[in-house]
Amino acid sequence: MTLTYATLRLDLPFVASKKGRRAIINAIKDRIGTLNCSILDISGEYPKEAEIAIAFLASDEQSVQQKIEKIETILATKFPEVEIELTYESI
């Protein structure tokens, strides 16, 4: 089994408050949560930026790549207005 830890960094220039940021983060968490991932909002105080930690188990490296691709596809199709940087590491 492979444990993978990913970090999503979001740039939200159109958000004016923490409430607006939280709405976007919750929508992302709901979508990615369907992939059996553990998700945590680790954002700071600045409302125009957000950070989400994602962790999941996979049986091998190919499964890791498939899940990362699914996450990227969900983000690109459902949240095209959000600039997203996804980094990950498998242990």
N, C-alpha and C. Protein backbone atom coordinates (compact mmCIF):
# COMPACT_ATOMS: atom_id res chain seq x y z
N MET A 1 0.84 -1.19 0.00
CA MET A 1 0.00 0.00 0.00
C MET A 1 0.88 1.25 0.00
N THR A 2 0.41 2.23 -0.69
CA THR A 2 1.13 3.50 -0.81
C THR A 2 0.27 4.60 -0.22
N LEU A 3 0.84 5.36 0.71
CA LEU A 3 0.16 6.53 1.25
C LEU A 3 0.60 7.74 0.44
N THR A 4 -0.35 8.49 -0.05
CA THR A 4 -0.05 9.67 -0.85
C THR A 4 -0.62 10.89 -0.15
N TYR A 5 0.21 11.92 -0.06
CA TYR A 5 -0.18 13.19 0.53
C TYR A 5 -0.09 14.25 -0.57
N ALA A 6 -1.18 14.93 -0.81
CA ALA A 6 -1.22 15.97 -1.85
C ALA A 6 -1.62 17.30 -1.22
N THR A 7 -1.15 18.38 -1.82
CA THR A 7 -1.51 19.72 -1.39
C THR A 7 -2.05 20.50 -2.57
N LEU A 8 -3.22 21.08 -2.39
CA LEU A 8 -3.82 21.96 -3.39
C LEU A 8 -3.65 23.39 -2.92
N ARG A 9 -3.02 24.20 -3.74
CA ARG A 9 -2.92 25.63 -3.46
C ARG A 9 -3.83 26.34 -4.45
N LEU A 10 -4.75 27.13 -3.92
CA LEU A 10 -5.75 27.79 -4.75
C LEU A 10 -5.55 29.29 -4.73
N ASP A 11 -5.63 29.91 -5.89
CA ASP A 11 -5.59 31.35 -6.01
C ASP A 11 -7.02 31.80 -6.32
N LEU A 12 -7.60 32.62 -5.44
CA LEU A 12 -9.00 33.03 -5.55
C LEU A 12 -9.12 34.56 -5.62
N PRO A 13 -8.69 35.18 -6.72
CA PRO A 13 -8.69 36.64 -6.80
C PRO A 13 -10.08 37.26 -6.78
N PHE A 14 -11.11 36.50 -7.11
CA PHE A 14 -12.48 37.01 -7.17
C PHE A 14 -13.22 36.88 -5.84
N VAL A 15 -12.62 36.27 -4.82
CA VAL A 15 -13.26 36.08 -3.52
C VAL A 15 -12.96 37.28 -2.64
N ALA A 16 -13.99 37.78 -1.96
CA ALA A 16 -13.83 38.98 -1.14
C ALA A 16 -13.82 38.70 0.36
N SER A 17 -14.19 37.49 0.77
CA SER A 17 -14.28 37.20 2.20
C SER A 17 -13.93 35.74 2.48
N LYS A 18 -13.73 35.45 3.77
CA LYS A 18 -13.47 34.07 4.17
C LYS A 18 -14.69 33.19 3.91
N LYS A 19 -15.86 33.78 4.01
CA LYS A 19 -17.10 33.04 3.75
C LYS A 19 -17.15 32.57 2.29
N GLY A 20 -16.75 33.43 1.37
CA GLY A 20 -16.71 33.06 -0.04
C GLY A 20 -15.68 31.99 -0.31
N ARG A 21 -14.52 32.12 0.35
CA ARG A 21 -13.47 31.10 0.21
C ARG A 21 -13.95 29.77 0.75
N ARG A 22 -14.62 29.79 1.90
CA ARG A 22 -15.10 28.57 2.52
C ARG A 22 -16.12 27.86 1.62
N ALA A 23 -16.95 28.62 0.92
CA ALA A 23 -17.94 28.02 0.01
C ALA A 23 -17.24 27.25 -1.11
N ILE A 24 -16.20 27.83 -1.67
CA ILE A 24 -15.44 27.15 -2.73
C ILE A 24 -14.72 25.93 -2.19
N ILE A 25 -14.09 26.06 -1.03
CA ILE A 25 -13.36 24.94 -0.43
C ILE A 25 -14.32 23.79 -0.12
N ASN A 26 -15.48 24.10 0.42
CA ASN A 26 -16.45 23.04 0.74
C ASN A 26 -16.93 22.33 -0.53
N ALA A 27 -17.14 23.08 -1.60
CA ALA A 27 -17.55 22.46 -2.86
C ALA A 27 -16.46 21.54 -3.39
N ILE A 28 -15.21 21.98 -3.31
CA ILE A 28 -14.08 21.14 -3.74
C ILE A 28 -13.98 19.90 -2.86
N LYS A 29 -14.10 20.08 -1.55
CA LYS A 29 -14.04 18.94 -0.63
C LYS A 29 -15.14 17.93 -0.92
N ASP A 30 -16.34 18.40 -1.23
CA ASP A 30 -17.44 17.49 -1.54
C ASP A 30 -17.15 16.68 -2.80
N ARG A 31 -16.61 17.32 -3.83
CA ARG A 31 -16.31 16.63 -5.09
C ARG A 31 -15.19 15.61 -4.92
N ILE A 32 -14.09 16.02 -4.28
CA ILE A 32 -12.94 15.14 -4.13
C ILE A 32 -13.22 14.05 -3.10
N GLY A 33 -14.08 14.34 -2.15
CA GLY A 33 -14.43 13.35 -1.13
C GLY A 33 -15.07 12.10 -1.69
N THR A 34 -15.64 12.18 -2.88
CA THR A 34 -16.24 11.00 -3.51
C THR A 34 -15.19 10.00 -3.96
N LEU A 35 -13.92 10.39 -3.94
CA LEU A 35 -12.83 9.51 -4.37
C LEU A 35 -12.17 8.78 -3.20
N ASN A 36 -12.82 8.75 -2.05
CA ASN A 36 -12.29 8.10 -0.84
C ASN A 36 -10.95 8.70 -0.41
N CYS A 37 -10.92 10.01 -0.29
CA CYS A 37 -9.74 10.73 0.16
C CYS A 37 -10.06 11.42 1.49
N SER A 38 -9.05 11.58 2.31
CA SER A 38 -9.18 12.41 3.51
C SER A 38 -8.77 13.82 3.12
N ILE A 39 -9.59 14.80 3.50
CA ILE A 39 -9.38 16.17 3.05
C ILE A 39 -9.42 17.11 4.25
N LEU A 40 -8.49 18.08 4.28
CA LEU A 40 -8.43 19.03 5.37
C LEU A 40 -8.10 20.41 4.83
N ASP A 41 -8.85 21.42 5.26
CA ASP A 41 -8.57 22.80 4.90
C ASP A 41 -7.45 23.31 5.81
N ILE A 42 -6.31 23.67 5.22
CA ILE A 42 -5.18 24.17 6.00
C ILE A 42 -4.84 25.62 5.61
N SER A 43 -5.86 26.35 5.19
CA SER A 43 -5.69 27.73 4.72
C SER A 43 -5.32 28.66 5.87
N GLY A 44 -4.70 29.76 5.48
CA GLY A 44 -4.38 30.82 6.43
C GLY A 44 -5.52 31.81 6.53
N GLU A 45 -5.20 33.03 6.91
CA GLU A 45 -6.21 34.06 7.14
C GLU A 45 -6.58 34.84 5.88
N TYR A 46 -5.73 34.86 4.88
CA TYR A 46 -5.96 35.67 3.69
C TYR A 46 -7.04 35.02 2.83
N PRO A 47 -8.17 35.69 2.57
CA PRO A 47 -9.29 35.04 1.87
C PRO A 47 -9.07 34.76 0.39
N LYS A 48 -8.10 35.39 -0.25
CA LYS A 48 -7.89 35.20 -1.68
C LYS A 48 -6.97 34.03 -2.01
N GLU A 49 -6.51 33.34 -0.98
CA GLU A 49 -5.68 32.15 -1.15
C GLU A 49 -6.21 31.05 -0.24
N ALA A 50 -6.08 29.82 -0.69
CA ALA A 50 -6.52 28.69 0.11
C ALA A 50 -5.56 27.53 -0.10
N GLU A 51 -5.57 26.64 0.88
CA GLU A 51 -4.72 25.45 0.78
C GLU A 51 -5.50 24.27 1.36
N ILE A 52 -5.49 23.17 0.63
CA ILE A 52 -6.21 21.97 1.04
C ILE A 52 -5.23 20.80 1.02
N ALA A 53 -5.22 20.03 2.11
CA ALA A 53 -4.40 18.82 2.19
C ALA A 53 -5.28 17.62 1.88
N ILE A 54 -4.74 16.70 1.09
CA ILE A 54 -5.46 15.49 0.69
C ILE A 54 -4.56 14.30 0.97
N ALA A 55 -5.13 13.25 1.55
CA ALA A 55 -4.38 12.01 1.79
C ALA A 55 -5.23 10.83 1.36
N PHE A 56 -4.57 9.85 0.76
CA PHE A 56 -5.28 8.63 0.36
C PHE A 56 -4.31 7.47 0.25
N LEU A 57 -4.86 6.27 0.33
CA LEU A 57 -4.09 5.05 0.16
C LEU A 57 -4.35 4.49 -1.24
N ALA A 58 -3.31 3.92 -1.80
CA ALA A 58 -3.43 3.27 -3.11
C ALA A 58 -2.60 2.00 -3.09
N SER A 59 -3.00 1.05 -3.90
CA SER A 59 -2.31 -0.24 -3.90
C SER A 59 -0.95 -0.20 -4.59
N ASP A 60 -0.79 0.70 -5.59
CA ASP A 60 0.48 0.82 -6.29
C ASP A 60 0.59 2.21 -6.92
N GLU A 61 1.72 2.46 -7.57
CA GLU A 61 1.98 3.79 -8.16
C GLU A 61 1.01 4.11 -9.30
N GLN A 62 0.59 3.11 -10.03
CA GLN A 62 -0.37 3.33 -11.11
C GLN A 62 -1.71 3.83 -10.54
N SER A 63 -2.14 3.26 -9.42
CA SER A 63 -3.37 3.70 -8.78
C SER A 63 -3.25 5.14 -8.26
N VAL A 64 -2.06 5.47 -7.78
CA VAL A 64 -1.81 6.85 -7.33
C VAL A 64 -1.99 7.80 -8.51
N GLN A 65 -1.36 7.49 -9.63
CA GLN A 65 -1.45 8.34 -10.81
C GLN A 65 -2.89 8.48 -11.30
N GLN A 66 -3.64 7.40 -11.27
CA GLN A 66 -5.03 7.44 -11.70
C GLN A 66 -5.86 8.35 -10.81
N LYS A 67 -5.65 8.26 -9.48
CA LYS A 67 -6.42 9.09 -8.56
C LYS A 67 -6.04 10.56 -8.70
N ILE A 68 -4.75 10.84 -8.88
CA ILE A 68 -4.31 12.23 -9.08
C ILE A 68 -4.92 12.78 -10.36
N GLU A 69 -4.95 11.99 -11.41
CA GLU A 69 -5.57 12.43 -12.67
C GLU A 69 -7.07 12.69 -12.50
N LYS A 70 -7.75 11.85 -11.72
CA LYS A 70 -9.17 12.07 -11.45
C LYS A 70 -9.38 13.38 -10.70
N ILE A 71 -8.53 13.64 -9.71
CA ILE A 71 -8.63 14.89 -8.94
C ILE A 71 -8.41 16.08 -9.87
N GLU A 72 -7.38 16.01 -10.71
CA GLU A 72 -7.11 17.11 -11.65
C GLU A 72 -8.27 17.32 -12.62
N THR A 73 -8.88 16.23 -13.08
CA THR A 73 -10.01 16.33 -14.00
C THR A 73 -11.21 16.99 -13.33
N ILE A 74 -11.51 16.57 -12.11
CA ILE A 74 -12.62 17.17 -11.36
C ILE A 74 -12.39 18.66 -11.19
N LEU A 75 -11.19 19.03 -10.80
CA LEU A 75 -10.89 20.45 -10.56
C LEU A 75 -10.97 21.26 -11.85
N ALA A 76 -10.47 20.71 -12.94
CA ALA A 76 -10.47 21.44 -14.21
C ALA A 76 -11.87 21.60 -14.78
N THR A 77 -12.72 20.59 -14.61
CA THR A 77 -14.06 20.67 -15.19
C THR A 77 -15.05 21.40 -14.30
N LYS A 78 -14.98 21.20 -13.01
CA LYS A 78 -15.96 21.79 -12.10
C LYS A 78 -15.56 23.17 -11.57
N PHE A 79 -14.27 23.48 -11.57
CA PHE A 79 -13.78 24.75 -11.03
C PHE A 79 -12.78 25.41 -11.98
N PRO A 80 -13.19 25.70 -13.21
CA PRO A 80 -12.24 26.26 -14.18
C PRO A 80 -11.78 27.68 -13.86
N GLU A 81 -12.55 28.41 -13.05
CA GLU A 81 -12.19 29.79 -12.72
C GLU A 81 -11.14 29.89 -11.61
N VAL A 82 -10.83 28.78 -10.97
CA VAL A 82 -9.89 28.77 -9.86
C VAL A 82 -8.52 28.31 -10.36
N GLU A 83 -7.49 29.12 -10.06
CA GLU A 83 -6.11 28.70 -10.39
C GLU A 83 -5.63 27.74 -9.31
N ILE A 84 -5.23 26.54 -9.74
CA ILE A 84 -4.89 25.49 -8.80
C ILE A 84 -3.50 24.94 -9.08
N GLU A 85 -2.74 24.76 -8.00
CA GLU A 85 -1.43 24.10 -8.08
C GLU A 85 -1.51 22.85 -7.21
N LEU A 86 -1.32 21.69 -7.81
CA LEU A 86 -1.40 20.41 -7.11
C LEU A 86 -0.01 19.79 -7.03
N THR A 87 0.43 19.53 -5.82
CA THR A 87 1.69 18.80 -5.61
C THR A 87 1.38 17.57 -4.76
N TYR A 88 2.14 16.51 -4.96
CA TYR A 88 1.90 15.30 -4.18
C TYR A 88 3.19 14.53 -3.97
N GLU A 89 3.14 13.68 -2.95
CA GLU A 89 4.28 12.83 -2.60
C GLU A 89 3.75 11.52 -2.09
N SER A 90 4.31 10.42 -2.53
CA SER A 90 3.92 9.10 -2.07
C SER A 90 4.96 8.57 -1.10
N ILE A 91 4.47 7.90 -0.07
CA ILE A 91 5.35 7.36 0.96
C ILE A 91 5.26 5.84 0.93
